[in-house]
Amino acid sequence: MSKRGPVIGNWYQDAAEDEIFEVIAVDDDGIAVQYLNGDISEIDPETWAQMVLLPAEPPDDLNELEELMLGEDEEALREATWEDPFNDDSDADNYSDYDEYCAGSIG
């Protein structure tokens, strides 16, 4: 019986460690995986071949997964209200002569 290789984007459960992870990259040197807590690790092909892996479903809510991975500072940053630089009137006075300048340079 042959074991299937890792598939990028598939989720697996390591039966021995009871951890769920997603394969995010595969190359000759190893398999990059990301766990539910956001940690990224690399598994060498020999270790992968010896692991008891079960197919796993991705988390129900990927937003929940994202929140688990974000620290408090990043969470606050994500929720910050950013001002639109094109609607910022604080520098409007600095450009009051713009139309006059353009009109003079065209004519």
PDB file of N, CA and C in Angstrom:
ATOM      1  N   MET A   1       0.852  -1.178   0.000  1.00  0.00           N
ATOM      2  CA  MET A   1       0.000   0.000   0.000  1.00  0.00           C
ATOM      3  C   MET A   1       0.897   1.241   0.000  1.00  0.00           C
ATOM      4  N   SER A   2       0.690   2.143  -0.934  1.00  0.00           N
ATOM      5  CA  SER A   2       1.511   3.354  -0.998  1.00  0.00           C
ATOM      6  C   SER A   2       0.814   4.493  -0.270  1.00  0.00           C
ATOM      7  N   LYS A   3       1.622   5.278   0.372  1.00  0.00           N
ATOM      8  CA  LYS A   3       1.101   6.434   1.107  1.00  0.00           C
ATOM      9  C   LYS A   3       1.091   7.636   0.179  1.00  0.00           C
ATOM     10  N   ARG A   4       0.016   8.391   0.215  1.00  0.00           N
ATOM     11  CA  ARG A   4      -0.072   9.593  -0.619  1.00  0.00           C
ATOM     12  C   ARG A   4       0.832  10.672  -0.066  1.00  0.00           C
ATOM     13  N   GLY A   5       1.411  11.417  -0.975  1.00  0.00           N
ATOM     14  CA  GLY A   5       2.262  12.528  -0.579  1.00  0.00           C
ATOM     15  C   GLY A   5       1.440  13.713  -0.120  1.00  0.00           C
ATOM     16  N   PRO A   6       2.106  14.717   0.432  1.00  0.00           N
ATOM     17  CA  PRO A   6       1.407  15.914   0.907  1.00  0.00           C
ATOM     18  C   PRO A   6       0.827  16.716  -0.250  1.00  0.00           C
ATOM     19  N   VAL A   7      -0.319  17.302  -0.019  1.00  0.00           N
ATOM     20  CA  VAL A   7      -0.980  18.128  -1.025  1.00  0.00           C
ATOM     21  C   VAL A   7      -1.153  19.525  -0.449  1.00  0.00           C
ATOM     22  N   ILE A   8      -0.601  20.509  -1.147  1.00  0.00           N
ATOM     23  CA  ILE A   8      -0.710  21.895  -0.690  1.00  0.00           C
ATOM     24  C   ILE A   8      -2.181  22.286  -0.586  1.00  0.00           C
ATOM     25  N   GLY A   9      -2.536  22.876   0.544  1.00  0.00           N
ATOM     26  CA  GLY A   9      -3.908  23.305   0.782  1.00  0.00           C
ATOM     27  C   GLY A   9      -4.746  22.277   1.524  1.00  0.00           C
ATOM     28  N   ASN A  10      -4.262  21.034   1.608  1.00  0.00           N
ATOM     29  CA  ASN A  10      -5.000  20.011   2.351  1.00  0.00           C
ATOM     30  C   ASN A  10      -4.694  20.100   3.839  1.00  0.00           C
ATOM     31  N   TRP A  11      -5.680  19.735   4.638  1.00  0.00           N
ATOM     32  CA  TRP A  11      -5.556  19.709   6.089  1.00  0.00           C
ATOM     33  C   TRP A  11      -5.388  18.268   6.526  1.00  0.00           C
ATOM     34  N   TYR A  12      -4.528  18.047   7.520  1.00  0.00           N
ATOM     35  CA  TYR A  12      -4.244  16.712   8.033  1.00  0.00           C
ATOM     36  C   TYR A  12      -4.267  16.743   9.555  1.00  0.00           C
ATOM     37  N   GLN A  13      -4.541  15.570  10.136  1.00  0.00           N
ATOM     38  CA  GLN A  13      -4.421  15.407  11.579  1.00  0.00           C
ATOM     39  C   GLN A  13      -3.321  14.392  11.835  1.00  0.00           C
ATOM     40  N   ASP A  14      -2.334  14.798  12.614  1.00  0.00           N
ATOM     41  CA  ASP A  14      -1.268  13.902  13.040  1.00  0.00           C
ATOM     42  C   ASP A  14      -1.843  13.075  14.185  1.00  0.00           C
ATOM     43  N   ALA A  15      -2.097  11.787  13.945  1.00  0.00           N
ATOM     44  CA  ALA A  15      -2.749  10.934  14.937  1.00  0.00           C
ATOM     45  C   ALA A  15      -1.917  10.788  16.205  1.00  0.00           C
ATOM     46  N   ALA A  16      -0.604  10.744  16.083  1.00  0.00           N
ATOM     47  CA  ALA A  16       0.256  10.563  17.254  1.00  0.00           C
ATOM     48  C   ALA A  16       0.270  11.803  18.151  1.00  0.00           C
ATOM     49  N   GLU A  17       0.300  12.982  17.553  1.00  0.00           N
ATOM     50  CA  GLU A  17       0.389  14.235  18.311  1.00  0.00           C
ATOM     51  C   GLU A  17      -0.972  14.903  18.504  1.00  0.00           C
ATOM     52  N   ASP A  18      -1.997  14.388  17.820  1.00  0.00           N
ATOM     53  CA  ASP A  18      -3.341  14.958  17.854  1.00  0.00           C
ATOM     54  C   ASP A  18      -3.316  16.445  17.509  1.00  0.00           C
ATOM     55  N   GLU A  19      -2.584  16.776  16.443  1.00  0.00           N
ATOM     56  CA  GLU A  19      -2.501  18.157  15.966  1.00  0.00           C
ATOM     57  C   GLU A  19      -3.035  18.221  14.542  1.00  0.00           C
ATOM     58  N   ILE A  20      -3.710  19.324  14.255  1.00  0.00           N
ATOM     59  CA  ILE A  20      -4.250  19.544  12.917  1.00  0.00           C
ATOM     60  C   ILE A  20      -3.419  20.632  12.253  1.00  0.00           C
ATOM     61  N   PHE A  21      -3.091  20.409  10.985  1.00  0.00           N
ATOM     62  CA  PHE A  21      -2.280  21.382  10.260  1.00  0.00           C
ATOM     63  C   PHE A  21      -2.640  21.371   8.787  1.00  0.00           C
ATOM     64  N   GLU A  22      -2.235  22.451   8.118  1.00  0.00           N
ATOM     65  CA  GLU A  22      -2.422  22.589   6.669  1.00  0.00           C
ATOM     66  C   GLU A  22      -1.054  22.563   6.010  1.00  0.00           C
ATOM     67  N   VAL A  23      -0.955  21.879   4.881  1.00  0.00           N
ATOM     68  CA  VAL A  23       0.278  21.896   4.101  1.00  0.00           C
ATOM     69  C   VAL A  23       0.278  23.187   3.298  1.00  0.00           C
ATOM     70  N   ILE A  24       1.342  24.004   3.476  1.00  0.00           N
ATOM     71  CA  ILE A  24       1.385  25.290   2.787  1.00  0.00           C
ATOM     72  C   ILE A  24       2.451  25.341   1.696  1.00  0.00           C
ATOM     73  N   ALA A  25       3.397  24.388   1.710  1.00  0.00           N
ATOM     74  CA  ALA A  25       4.427  24.349   0.663  1.00  0.00           C
ATOM     75  C   ALA A  25       5.104  22.986   0.690  1.00  0.00           C
ATOM     76  N   VAL A  26       5.553  22.572  -0.487  1.00  0.00           N
ATOM     77  CA  VAL A  26       6.257  21.298  -0.611  1.00  0.00           C
ATOM     78  C   VAL A  26       7.427  21.504  -1.567  1.00  0.00           C
ATOM     79  N   ASP A  27       8.611  21.039  -1.153  1.00  0.00           N
ATOM     80  CA  ASP A  27       9.757  21.012  -2.057  1.00  0.00           C
ATOM     81  C   ASP A  27      10.598  19.786  -1.725  1.00  0.00           C
ATOM     82  N   ASP A  28      11.733  19.637  -2.380  1.00  0.00           N
ATOM     83  CA  ASP A  28      12.566  18.454  -2.188  1.00  0.00           C
ATOM     84  C   ASP A  28      13.109  18.346  -0.764  1.00  0.00           C
ATOM     85  N   ASP A  29      13.270  19.490  -0.090  1.00  0.00           N
ATOM     86  CA  ASP A  29      13.857  19.487   1.253  1.00  0.00           C
ATOM     87  C   ASP A  29      12.851  19.199   2.355  1.00  0.00           C
ATOM     88  N   GLY A  30      11.577  19.445   2.108  1.00  0.00           N
ATOM     89  CA  GLY A  30      10.605  19.210   3.157  1.00  0.00           C
ATOM     90  C   GLY A  30       9.222  19.721   2.840  1.00  0.00           C
ATOM     91  N   ILE A  31       8.357  19.586   3.829  1.00  0.00           N
ATOM     92  CA  ILE A  31       6.963  19.980   3.719  1.00  0.00           C
ATOM     93  C   ILE A  31       6.716  21.062   4.757  1.00  0.00           C
ATOM     94  N   ALA A  32       6.320  22.247   4.329  1.00  0.00           N
ATOM     95  CA  ALA A  32       5.998  23.333   5.252  1.00  0.00           C
ATOM     96  C   ALA A  32       4.538  23.204   5.648  1.00  0.00           C
ATOM     97  N   VAL A  33       4.303  23.260   6.961  1.00  0.00           N
ATOM     98  CA  VAL A  33       2.944  23.126   7.472  1.00  0.00           C
ATOM     99  C   VAL A  33       2.649  24.274   8.422  1.00  0.00           C
ATOM    100  N   GLN A  34       1.362  24.609   8.535  1.00  0.00           N
ATOM    101  CA  GLN A  34       0.926  25.631   9.478  1.00  0.00           C
ATOM    102  C   GLN A  34      -0.147  25.026  10.367  1.00  0.00           C
ATOM    103  N   TYR A  35       0.090  25.131  11.685  1.00  0.00           N
ATOM    104  CA  TYR A  35      -0.829  24.590  12.673  1.00  0.00           C
ATOM    105  C   TYR A  35      -1.945  25.579  12.964  1.00  0.00           C
ATOM    106  N   LEU A  36      -2.968  25.120  13.665  1.00  0.00           N
ATOM    107  CA  LEU A  36      -4.118  25.972  13.976  1.00  0.00           C
ATOM    108  C   LEU A  36      -3.741  27.219  14.758  1.00  0.00           C
ATOM    109  N   ASN A  37      -2.688  27.151  15.563  1.00  0.00           N
ATOM    110  CA  ASN A  37      -2.289  28.313  16.352  1.00  0.00           C
ATOM    111  C   ASN A  37      -1.432  29.301  15.552  1.00  0.00           C
ATOM    112  N   GLY A  38      -1.175  28.985  14.273  1.00  0.00           N
ATOM    113  CA  GLY A  38      -0.416  29.878  13.412  1.00  0.00           C
ATOM    114  C   GLY A  38       1.045  29.519  13.277  1.00  0.00           C
ATOM    115  N   ASP A  39       1.538  28.616  14.131  1.00  0.00           N
ATOM    116  CA  ASP A  39       2.934  28.203  14.033  1.00  0.00           C
ATOM    117  C   ASP A  39       3.201  27.517  12.704  1.00  0.00           C
ATOM    118  N   ILE A  40       4.368  27.825  12.132  1.00  0.00           N
ATOM    119  CA  ILE A  40       4.784  27.202  10.880  1.00  0.00           C
ATOM    120  C   ILE A  40       5.983  26.318  11.172  1.00  0.00           C
ATOM    121  N   SER A  41       5.980  25.146  10.578  1.00  0.00           N
ATOM    122  CA  SER A  41       7.049  24.188  10.809  1.00  0.00           C
ATOM    123  C   SER A  41       7.356  23.470   9.498  1.00  0.00           C
ATOM    124  N   GLU A  42       8.492  22.795   9.473  1.00  0.00           N
ATOM    125  CA  GLU A  42       8.851  22.011   8.293  1.00  0.00           C
ATOM    126  C   GLU A  42       9.050  20.562   8.708  1.00  0.00           C
ATOM    127  N   ILE A  43       8.503  19.673   7.925  1.00  0.00           N
ATOM    128  CA  ILE A  43       8.623  18.234   8.170  1.00  0.00           C
ATOM    129  C   ILE A  43       9.436  17.648   7.033  1.00  0.00           C
ATOM    130  N   ASP A  44      10.488  16.904   7.370  1.00  0.00           N
ATOM    131  CA  ASP A  44      11.297  16.313   6.300  1.00  0.00           C
ATOM    132  C   ASP A  44      10.538  15.126   5.695  1.00  0.00           C
ATOM    133  N   PRO A  45      10.815  14.792   4.434  1.00  0.00           N
ATOM    134  CA  PRO A  45      10.068  13.742   3.732  1.00  0.00           C
ATOM    135  C   PRO A  45      10.114  12.381   4.439  1.00  0.00           C
ATOM    136  N   GLU A  46      11.234  12.047   5.079  1.00  0.00           N
ATOM    137  CA  GLU A  46      11.332  10.766   5.776  1.00  0.00           C
ATOM    138  C   GLU A  46      10.379  10.699   6.968  1.00  0.00           C
ATOM    139  N   THR A  47      10.306  11.813   7.708  1.00  0.00           N
ATOM    140  CA  THR A  47       9.390  11.872   8.854  1.00  0.00           C
ATOM    141  C   THR A  47       7.952  11.816   8.375  1.00  0.00           C
ATOM    142  N   TRP A  48       7.660  12.546   7.294  1.00  0.00           N
ATOM    143  CA  TRP A  48       6.304  12.543   6.732  1.00  0.00           C
ATOM    144  C   TRP A  48       5.879  11.117   6.389  1.00  0.00           C
ATOM    145  N   ALA A  49       6.779  10.351   5.799  1.00  0.00           N
ATOM    146  CA  ALA A  49       6.462   8.982   5.384  1.00  0.00           C
ATOM    147  C   ALA A  49       6.142   8.082   6.577  1.00  0.00           C
ATOM    148  N   GLN A  50       6.662   8.395   7.753  1.00  0.00           N
ATOM    149  CA  GLN A  50       6.444   7.577   8.945  1.00  0.00           C
ATOM    150  C   GLN A  50       5.249   8.027   9.780  1.00  0.00           C
ATOM    151  N   MET A  51       4.741   9.222   9.495  1.00  0.00           N
ATOM    152  CA  MET A  51       3.635   9.761  10.291  1.00  0.00           C
ATOM    153  C   MET A  51       2.329   9.053   9.970  1.00  0.00           C
ATOM    154  N   VAL A  52       1.487   8.929  10.999  1.00  0.00           N
ATOM    155  CA  VAL A  52       0.130   8.424  10.805  1.00  0.00           C
ATOM    156  C   VAL A  52      -0.763   9.653  10.655  1.00  0.00           C
ATOM    157  N   LEU A  53      -1.189   9.891   9.425  1.00  0.00           N
ATOM    158  CA  LEU A  53      -1.955  11.096   9.114  1.00  0.00           C
ATOM    159  C   LEU A  53      -3.370  10.753   8.686  1.00  0.00           C
ATOM    160  N   LEU A  54      -4.297  11.523   9.183  1.00  0.00           N
ATOM    161  CA  LEU A  54      -5.694  11.383   8.810  1.00  0.00           C
ATOM    162  C   LEU A  54      -6.125  12.641   8.094  1.00  0.00           C
ATOM    163  N   PRO A  55      -7.003  12.530   7.111  1.00  0.00           N
ATOM    164  CA  PRO A  55      -7.512  13.754   6.484  1.00  0.00           C
ATOM    165  C   PRO A  55      -8.307  14.543   7.523  1.00  0.00           C
ATOM    166  N   ALA A  56      -8.178  15.845   7.486  1.00  0.00           N
ATOM    167  CA  ALA A  56      -8.892  16.706   8.440  1.00  0.00           C
ATOM    168  C   ALA A  56      -9.635  17.788   7.680  1.00  0.00           C
ATOM    169  N   GLU A  57     -10.680  18.269   8.286  1.00  0.00           N
ATOM    170  CA  GLU A  57     -11.458  19.365   7.718  1.00  0.00           C
ATOM    171  C   GLU A  57     -10.829  20.681   8.149  1.00  0.00           C
ATOM    172  N   PRO A  58     -10.845  21.676   7.278  1.00  0.00           N
ATOM    173  CA  PRO A  58     -10.363  22.996   7.698  1.00  0.00           C
ATOM    174  C   PRO A  58     -11.270  23.535   8.801  1.00  0.00           C
ATOM    175  N   PRO A  59     -10.795  24.484   9.582  1.00  0.00           N
ATOM    176  CA  PRO A  59     -11.643  25.069  10.630  1.00  0.00           C
ATOM    177  C   PRO A  59     -12.929  25.604  10.028  1.00  0.00           C
ATOM    178  N   ASP A  60     -14.009  25.516  10.785  1.00  0.00           N
ATOM    179  CA  ASP A  60     -15.309  25.996  10.308  1.00  0.00           C
ATOM    180  C   ASP A  60     -15.264  27.460   9.939  1.00  0.00           C
ATOM    181  N   ASP A  61     -14.597  28.236  10.759  1.00  0.00           N
ATOM    182  CA  ASP A  61     -14.551  29.668  10.542  1.00  0.00           C
ATOM    183  C   ASP A  61     -13.100  30.110  10.434  1.00  0.00           C
ATOM    184  N   LEU A  62     -12.639  30.357   9.219  1.00  0.00           N
ATOM    185  CA  LEU A  62     -11.255  30.765   9.041  1.00  0.00           C
ATOM    186  C   LEU A  62     -10.968  32.102   9.707  1.00  0.00           C
ATOM    187  N   ASN A  63     -11.998  32.917   9.954  1.00  0.00           N
ATOM    188  CA  ASN A  63     -11.798  34.163  10.705  1.00  0.00           C
ATOM    189  C   ASN A  63     -11.386  33.851  12.140  1.00  0.00           C
ATOM    190  N   GLU A  64     -11.969  32.776  12.703  1.00  0.00           N
ATOM    191  CA  GLU A  64     -11.574  32.349  14.044  1.00  0.00           C
ATOM    192  C   GLU A  64     -10.107  31.954  14.057  1.00  0.00           C
ATOM    193  N   LEU A  65      -9.689  31.236  13.032  1.00  0.00           N
ATOM    194  CA  LEU A  65      -8.295  30.828  12.918  1.00  0.00           C
ATOM    195  C   LEU A  65      -7.399  32.050  12.816  1.00  0.00           C
ATOM    196  N   GLU A  66      -7.814  33.029  12.037  1.00  0.00           N
ATOM    197  CA  GLU A  66      -7.026  34.253  11.893  1.00  0.00           C
ATOM    198  C   GLU A  66      -6.905  34.980  13.224  1.00  0.00           C
ATOM    199  N   GLU A  67      -7.994  35.036  13.993  1.00  0.00           N
ATOM    200  CA  GLU A  67      -7.960  35.695  15.289  1.00  0.00           C
ATOM    201  C   GLU A  67      -7.036  34.967  16.254  1.00  0.00           C
ATOM    202  N   LEU A  68      -6.986  33.643  16.173  1.00  0.00           N
ATOM    203  CA  LEU A  68      -6.071  32.882  17.020  1.00  0.00           C
ATOM    204  C   LEU A  68      -4.620  33.226  16.691  1.00  0.00           C
ATOM    205  N   MET A  69      -4.356  33.478  15.422  1.00  0.00           N
ATOM    206  CA  MET A  69      -2.991  33.743  14.981  1.00  0.00           C
ATOM    207  C   MET A  69      -2.563  35.178  15.260  1.00  0.00           C
ATOM    208  N   LEU A  70      -3.514  36.104  15.356  1.00  0.00           N
ATOM    209  CA  LEU A  70      -3.174  37.506  15.569  1.00  0.00           C
ATOM    210  C   LEU A  70      -2.906  37.780  17.037  1.00  0.00           C
ATOM    211  N   GLY A  71      -1.884  38.547  17.292  1.00  0.00           N
ATOM    212  CA  GLY A  71      -1.628  38.998  18.660  1.00  0.00           C
ATOM    213  C   GLY A  71      -2.530  40.166  18.980  1.00  0.00           C
ATOM    214  N   GLU A  72      -2.520  40.623  20.226  1.00  0.00           N
ATOM    215  CA  GLU A  72      -3.380  41.742  20.620  1.00  0.00           C
ATOM    216  C   GLU A  72      -3.058  43.000  19.832  1.00  0.00           C
ATOM    217  N   ASP A  73      -1.769  43.284  19.611  1.00  0.00           N
ATOM    218  CA  ASP A  73      -1.388  44.493  18.875  1.00  0.00           C
ATOM    219  C   ASP A  73      -1.878  44.423  17.441  1.00  0.00           C
ATOM    220  N   GLU A  74      -1.742  43.277  16.823  1.00  0.00           N
ATOM    221  CA  GLU A  74      -2.188  43.138  15.437  1.00  0.00           C
ATOM    222  C   GLU A  74      -3.702  43.223  15.355  1.00  0.00           C
ATOM    223  N   GLU A  75      -4.387  42.672  16.347  1.00  0.00           N
ATOM    224  CA  GLU A  75      -5.850  42.743  16.367  1.00  0.00           C
ATOM    225  C   GLU A  75      -6.302  44.197  16.446  1.00  0.00           C
ATOM    226  N   ALA A  76      -5.669  44.973  17.306  1.00  0.00           N
ATOM    227  CA  ALA A  76      -6.016  46.390  17.433  1.00  0.00           C
ATOM    228  C   ALA A  76      -5.709  47.125  16.141  1.00  0.00           C
ATOM    229  N   LEU A  77      -4.603  46.779  15.521  1.00  0.00           N
ATOM    230  CA  LEU A  77      -4.223  47.417  14.268  1.00  0.00           C
ATOM    231  C   LEU A  77      -5.241  47.097  13.178  1.00  0.00           C
ATOM    232  N   ARG A  78      -5.676  45.853  13.127  1.00  0.00           N
ATOM    233  CA  ARG A  78      -6.640  45.449  12.108  1.00  0.00           C
ATOM    234  C   ARG A  78      -7.962  46.179  12.278  1.00  0.00           C
ATOM    235  N   GLU A  79      -8.335  46.452  13.514  1.00  0.00           N
ATOM    236  CA  GLU A  79      -9.612  47.102  13.770  1.00  0.00           C
ATOM    237  C   GLU A  79      -9.525  48.629  13.744  1.00  0.00           C
ATOM    238  N   ALA A  80      -8.323  49.145  13.590  1.00  0.00           N
ATOM    239  CA  ALA A  80      -8.151  50.594  13.593  1.00  0.00           C
ATOM    240  C   ALA A  80      -8.918  51.225  12.434  1.00  0.00           C
ATOM    241  N   THR A  81      -9.427  52.412  12.674  1.00  0.00           N
ATOM    242  CA  THR A  81     -10.122  53.154  11.626  1.00  0.00           C
ATOM    243  C   THR A  81      -9.087  54.038  10.944  1.00  0.00           C
ATOM    244  N   TRP A  82      -8.866  53.769   9.688  1.00  0.00           N
ATOM    245  CA  TRP A  82      -7.875  54.537   8.944  1.00  0.00           C
ATOM    246  C   TRP A  82      -8.578  55.658   8.209  1.00  0.00           C
ATOM    247  N   GLU A  83      -7.936  56.826   8.232  1.00  0.00           N
ATOM    248  CA  GLU A  83      -8.484  57.966   7.523  1.00  0.00           C
ATOM    249  C   GLU A  83      -8.103  57.868   6.059  1.00  0.00           C
ATOM    250  N   ASP A  84      -9.007  58.263   5.212  1.00  0.00           N
ATOM    251  CA  ASP A  84      -8.750  58.281   3.783  1.00  0.00           C
ATOM    252  C   ASP A  84      -7.906  59.506   3.464  1.00  0.00           C
ATOM    253  N   PRO A  85      -6.683  59.316   2.951  1.00  0.00           N
ATOM    254  CA  PRO A  85      -5.823  60.469   2.692  1.00  0.00           C
ATOM    255  C   PRO A  85      -6.391  61.424   1.654  1.00  0.00           C
ATOM    256  N   PHE A  86      -7.288  60.948   0.803  1.00  0.00           N
ATOM    257  CA  PHE A  86      -7.869  61.802  -0.219  1.00  0.00           C
ATOM    258  C   PHE A  86      -9.004  62.652   0.318  1.00  0.00           C
ATOM    259  N   ASN A  87      -9.495  62.323   1.503  1.00  0.00           N
ATOM    260  CA  ASN A  87     -10.552  63.113   2.124  1.00  0.00           C
ATOM    261  C   ASN A  87     -10.020  63.967   3.255  1.00  0.00           C
ATOM    262  N   ASP A  88      -8.723  64.037   3.413  1.00  0.00           N
ATOM    263  CA  ASP A  88      -8.105  64.801   4.497  1.00  0.00           C
ATOM    264  C   ASP A  88      -8.050  66.272   4.098  1.00  0.00           C
ATOM    265  N   ASP A  89      -8.800  67.101   4.821  1.00  0.00           N
ATOM    266  CA  ASP A  89      -8.854  68.529   4.511  1.00  0.00           C
ATOM    267  C   ASP A  89      -7.810  69.337   5.270  1.00  0.00           C
ATOM    268  N   SER A  90      -6.999  68.693   6.086  1.00  0.00           N
ATOM    269  CA  SER A  90      -6.044  69.432   6.910  1.00  0.00           C
ATOM    270  C   SER A  90      -4.993  70.150   6.071  1.00  0.00           C
ATOM    271  N   ASP A  91      -4.667  69.666   4.890  1.00  0.00           N
ATOM    272  CA  ASP A  91      -3.666  70.301   4.037  1.00  0.00           C
ATOM    273  C   ASP A  91      -4.304  71.078   2.881  1.00  0.00           C
ATOM    274  N   ALA A  92      -5.597  71.282   2.942  1.00  0.00           N
ATOM    275  CA  ALA A  92      -6.294  71.939   1.831  1.00  0.00           C
ATOM    276  C   ALA A  92      -5.746  73.337   1.579  1.00  0.00           C
ATOM    277  N   ASP A  93      -5.374  74.062   2.633  1.00  0.00           N
ATOM    278  CA  ASP A  93      -4.870  75.424   2.461  1.00  0.00           C
ATOM    279  C   ASP A  93      -3.525  75.435   1.735  1.00  0.00           C
ATOM    280  N   ASN A  94      -2.760  74.370   1.861  1.00  0.00           N
ATOM    281  CA  ASN A  94      -1.454  74.313   1.207  1.00  0.00           C
ATOM    282  C   ASN A  94      -1.571  74.212  -0.316  1.00  0.00           C
ATOM    283  N   TYR A  95      -2.741  73.841  -0.794  1.00  0.00           N
ATOM    284  CA  TYR A  95      -2.923  73.651  -2.232  1.00  0.00           C
ATOM    285  C   TYR A  95      -3.893  74.669  -2.837  1.00  0.00           C
ATOM    286  N   SER A  96      -4.145  75.761  -2.147  1.00  0.00           N
ATOM    287  CA  SER A  96      -5.137  76.724  -2.626  1.00  0.00           C
ATOM    288  C   SER A  96      -4.707  77.404  -3.920  1.00  0.00           C
ATOM    289  N   ASP A  97      -3.419  77.517  -4.159  1.00  0.00           N
ATOM    290  CA  ASP A  97      -2.945  78.169  -5.378  1.00  0.00           C
ATOM    291  C   ASP A  97      -2.734  77.188  -6.523  1.00  0.00           C
ATOM    292  N   TYR A  98      -3.098  75.941  -6.333  1.00  0.00           N
ATOM    293  CA  TYR A  98      -2.844  74.903  -7.332  1.00  0.00           C
ATOM    294  C   TYR A  98      -3.554  75.225  -8.665  1.00  0.00           C
ATOM    295  N   ASP A  99      -4.830  75.586  -8.594  1.00  0.00           N
ATOM    296  CA  ASP A  99      -5.576  75.871  -9.826  1.00  0.00           C
ATOM    297  C   ASP A  99      -4.976  77.064 -10.564  1.00  0.00           C
ATOM    298  N   GLU A 100      -4.572  78.092  -9.814  1.00  0.00           N
ATOM    299  CA  GLU A 100      -3.969  79.270 -10.442  1.00  0.00           C
ATOM    300  C   GLU A 100      -2.632  78.898 -11.101  1.00  0.00           C
ATOM    301  N   TYR A 101      -1.876  78.057 -10.441  1.00  0.00           N
ATOM    302  CA  TYR A 101      -0.582  77.621 -10.978  1.00  0.00           C
ATOM    303  C   TYR A 101      -0.787  76.843 -12.284  1.00  0.00           C
ATOM    304  N   CYS A 102      -1.738  75.927 -12.266  1.00  0.00           N
ATOM    305  CA  CYS A 102      -2.000  75.125 -13.463  1.00  0.00           C
ATOM    306  C   CYS A 102      -2.512  75.994 -14.608  1.00  0.00           C
ATOM    307  N   ALA A 103      -3.380  76.935 -14.303  1.00  0.00           N
ATOM    308  CA  ALA A 103      -3.945  77.793 -15.340  1.00  0.00           C
ATOM    309  C   ALA A 103      -2.841  78.643 -15.974  1.00  0.00           C
ATOM    310  N   GLY A 104      -1.915  79.105 -15.165  1.00  0.00           N
ATOM    311  CA  GLY A 104      -0.813  79.926 -15.673  1.00  0.00           C
ATOM    312  C   GLY A 104       0.165  79.130 -16.495  1.00  0.00           C
ATOM    313  N   SER A 105       0.380  77.855 -16.182  1.00  0.00           N
ATOM    314  CA  SER A 105       1.362  77.062 -16.908  1.00  0.00           C
ATOM    315  C   SER A 105       0.813  76.518 -18.217  1.00  0.00           C
ATOM    316  N   ILE A 106      -0.484  76.457 -18.359  1.00  0.00           N
ATOM    317  CA  ILE A 106      -1.068  75.933 -19.590  1.00  0.00           C
ATOM    318  C   ILE A 106      -1.162  77.029 -20.628  1.00  0.00           C
ATOM    319  N   GLY A 107      -1.535  78.208 -20.225  1.00  0.00           N
ATOM    320  CA  GLY A 107      -1.827  79.269 -21.148  1.00  0.00           C
ATOM    321  C   GLY A 107      -0.659  79.913 -21.684  1.00  0.00           C
TER     322      GLY A 107
END
